[in-house]
Amino acid sequence: MSGVVTATILSDTGEVMNPEYNLMSIDIIKEVNKIPIAQIILLDGEAAKQEFPISNTEFFKPGQEIEIKLRYEG
């Protein structure tokens, strides 16, 4: 398959992640008899100032269940 992979990330309330967030990568690990793990890397804030406005939103609250949908476009 050729084309671009597009990701849609939804919270457990059905809210869609803001498409203006700079999504750098997604790593998904699914293994037999284990809970799936996903690491989402966003370009967010300034480490020197310890300000991370995207990570501090309710959407990324620790323990929040999310759904990741991937699709090919093009």
C-alpha atoms as a PDB file:
ATOM      1  CA  MET A   1       0.000   0.000   0.000  1.00  0.00           C
ATOM      2  CA  SER A   2       1.150   3.486  -0.702  1.00  0.00           C
ATOM      3  CA  GLY A   3      -0.091   6.736   0.703  1.00  0.00           C
ATOM      4  CA  VAL A   4      -0.090   8.628   3.951  1.00  0.00           C
ATOM      5  CA  VAL A   5      -1.174   7.140   7.264  1.00  0.00           C
ATOM      6  CA  THR A   6      -3.633   9.356   9.128  1.00  0.00           C
ATOM      7  CA  ALA A   7      -4.329   8.924  12.837  1.00  0.00           C
ATOM      8  CA  THR A   8      -7.472   9.839  14.748  1.00  0.00           C
ATOM      9  CA  ILE A   9      -7.249   9.682  18.542  1.00  0.00           C
ATOM     10  CA  LEU A  10     -10.426   9.610  20.624  1.00  0.00           C
ATOM     11  CA  SER A  11     -10.914   9.821  24.399  1.00  0.00           C
ATOM     12  CA  ASP A  12     -13.244   7.500  26.282  1.00  0.00           C
ATOM     13  CA  THR A  13     -15.854  10.297  26.186  1.00  0.00           C
ATOM     14  CA  GLY A  14     -15.778  10.297  22.361  1.00  0.00           C
ATOM     15  CA  GLU A  15     -13.870  13.578  22.138  1.00  0.00           C
ATOM     16  CA  VAL A  16     -11.472  13.733  19.162  1.00  0.00           C
ATOM     17  CA  MET A  17      -7.913  14.964  19.766  1.00  0.00           C
ATOM     18  CA  ASN A  18      -7.403  18.449  18.327  1.00  0.00           C
ATOM     19  CA  PRO A  19      -6.005  17.989  14.782  1.00  0.00           C
ATOM     20  CA  GLU A  20      -3.811  21.079  15.286  1.00  0.00           C
ATOM     21  CA  TYR A  21      -1.634  19.207  17.828  1.00  0.00           C
ATOM     22  CA  ASN A  22       1.743  18.292  16.290  1.00  0.00           C
ATOM     23  CA  LEU A  23       1.712  14.493  16.411  1.00  0.00           C
ATOM     24  CA  MET A  24       5.295  13.253  15.984  1.00  0.00           C
ATOM     25  CA  SER A  25       4.815   9.480  16.337  1.00  0.00           C
ATOM     26  CA  ILE A  26       2.685   6.667  17.707  1.00  0.00           C
ATOM     27  CA  ASP A  27       4.099   3.337  18.937  1.00  0.00           C
ATOM     28  CA  ILE A  28       1.586   0.585  19.641  1.00  0.00           C
ATOM     29  CA  ILE A  29       2.485  -2.699  21.347  1.00  0.00           C
ATOM     30  CA  LYS A  30      -0.033  -5.540  21.400  1.00  0.00           C
ATOM     31  CA  GLU A  31       0.991  -8.888  22.909  1.00  0.00           C
ATOM     32  CA  VAL A  32      -0.876 -12.044  23.820  1.00  0.00           C
ATOM     33  CA  ASN A  33      -2.203 -12.015  27.416  1.00  0.00           C
ATOM     34  CA  LYS A  34      -1.047  -8.431  28.027  1.00  0.00           C
ATOM     35  CA  ILE A  35      -2.774  -5.064  28.081  1.00  0.00           C
ATOM     36  CA  PRO A  36      -1.985  -3.115  24.876  1.00  0.00           C
ATOM     37  CA  ILE A  37       0.288  -0.101  25.303  1.00  0.00           C
ATOM     38  CA  ALA A  38       0.513   3.005  23.133  1.00  0.00           C
ATOM     39  CA  GLN A  39       3.060   5.797  23.305  1.00  0.00           C
ATOM     40  CA  ILE A  40       1.960   9.037  21.658  1.00  0.00           C
ATOM     41  CA  ILE A  41       4.644  11.674  21.104  1.00  0.00           C
ATOM     42  CA  LEU A  42       3.465  15.258  20.587  1.00  0.00           C
ATOM     43  CA  LEU A  43       5.414  18.461  20.098  1.00  0.00           C
ATOM     44  CA  ASP A  44       4.325  20.220  23.292  1.00  0.00           C
ATOM     45  CA  GLY A  45       5.562  23.194  25.289  1.00  0.00           C
ATOM     46  CA  GLU A  46       8.965  24.168  26.598  1.00  0.00           C
ATOM     47  CA  ALA A  47      11.017  21.873  28.819  1.00  0.00           C
ATOM     48  CA  ALA A  48      13.081  24.770  30.200  1.00  0.00           C
ATOM     49  CA  LYS A  49       9.939  26.495  31.487  1.00  0.00           C
ATOM     50  CA  GLN A  50       8.262  23.174  32.411  1.00  0.00           C
ATOM     51  CA  GLU A  51       5.129  24.281  30.548  1.00  0.00           C
ATOM     52  CA  PHE A  52       3.229  21.594  28.630  1.00  0.00           C
ATOM     53  CA  PRO A  53      -0.196  23.002  27.689  1.00  0.00           C
ATOM     54  CA  ILE A  54      -1.302  20.030  25.545  1.00  0.00           C
ATOM     55  CA  SER A  55      -0.259  17.376  28.073  1.00  0.00           C
ATOM     56  CA  ASN A  56      -2.060  19.263  30.853  1.00  0.00           C
ATOM     57  CA  THR A  57      -5.463  19.116  29.124  1.00  0.00           C
ATOM     58  CA  GLU A  58      -8.229  16.798  30.356  1.00  0.00           C
ATOM     59  CA  PHE A  59      -7.832  14.810  27.134  1.00  0.00           C
ATOM     60  CA  PHE A  60      -4.432  13.493  28.301  1.00  0.00           C
ATOM     61  CA  LYS A  61      -5.324  12.992  31.964  1.00  0.00           C
ATOM     62  CA  PRO A  62      -3.366  10.006  33.425  1.00  0.00           C
ATOM     63  CA  GLY A  63      -5.382   6.801  33.267  1.00  0.00           C
ATOM     64  CA  GLN A  64      -7.566   8.144  30.466  1.00  0.00           C
ATOM     65  CA  GLU A  65      -8.645   5.400  28.077  1.00  0.00           C
ATOM     66  CA  ILE A  66      -8.139   6.304  24.421  1.00  0.00           C
ATOM     67  CA  GLU A  67      -8.878   4.778  21.039  1.00  0.00           C
ATOM     68  CA  ILE A  68      -6.438   5.109  18.139  1.00  0.00           C
ATOM     69  CA  LYS A  69      -7.763   4.797  14.597  1.00  0.00           C
ATOM     70  CA  LEU A  70      -5.315   4.574  11.695  1.00  0.00           C
ATOM     71  CA  ARG A  71      -6.090   4.751   7.982  1.00  0.00           C
ATOM     72  CA  TYR A  72      -4.277   5.051   4.673  1.00  0.00           C
ATOM     73  CA  GLU A  73      -5.068   8.032   2.479  1.00  0.00           C
ATOM     74  CA  GLY A  74      -3.954   8.621  -1.047  1.00  0.00           C
END
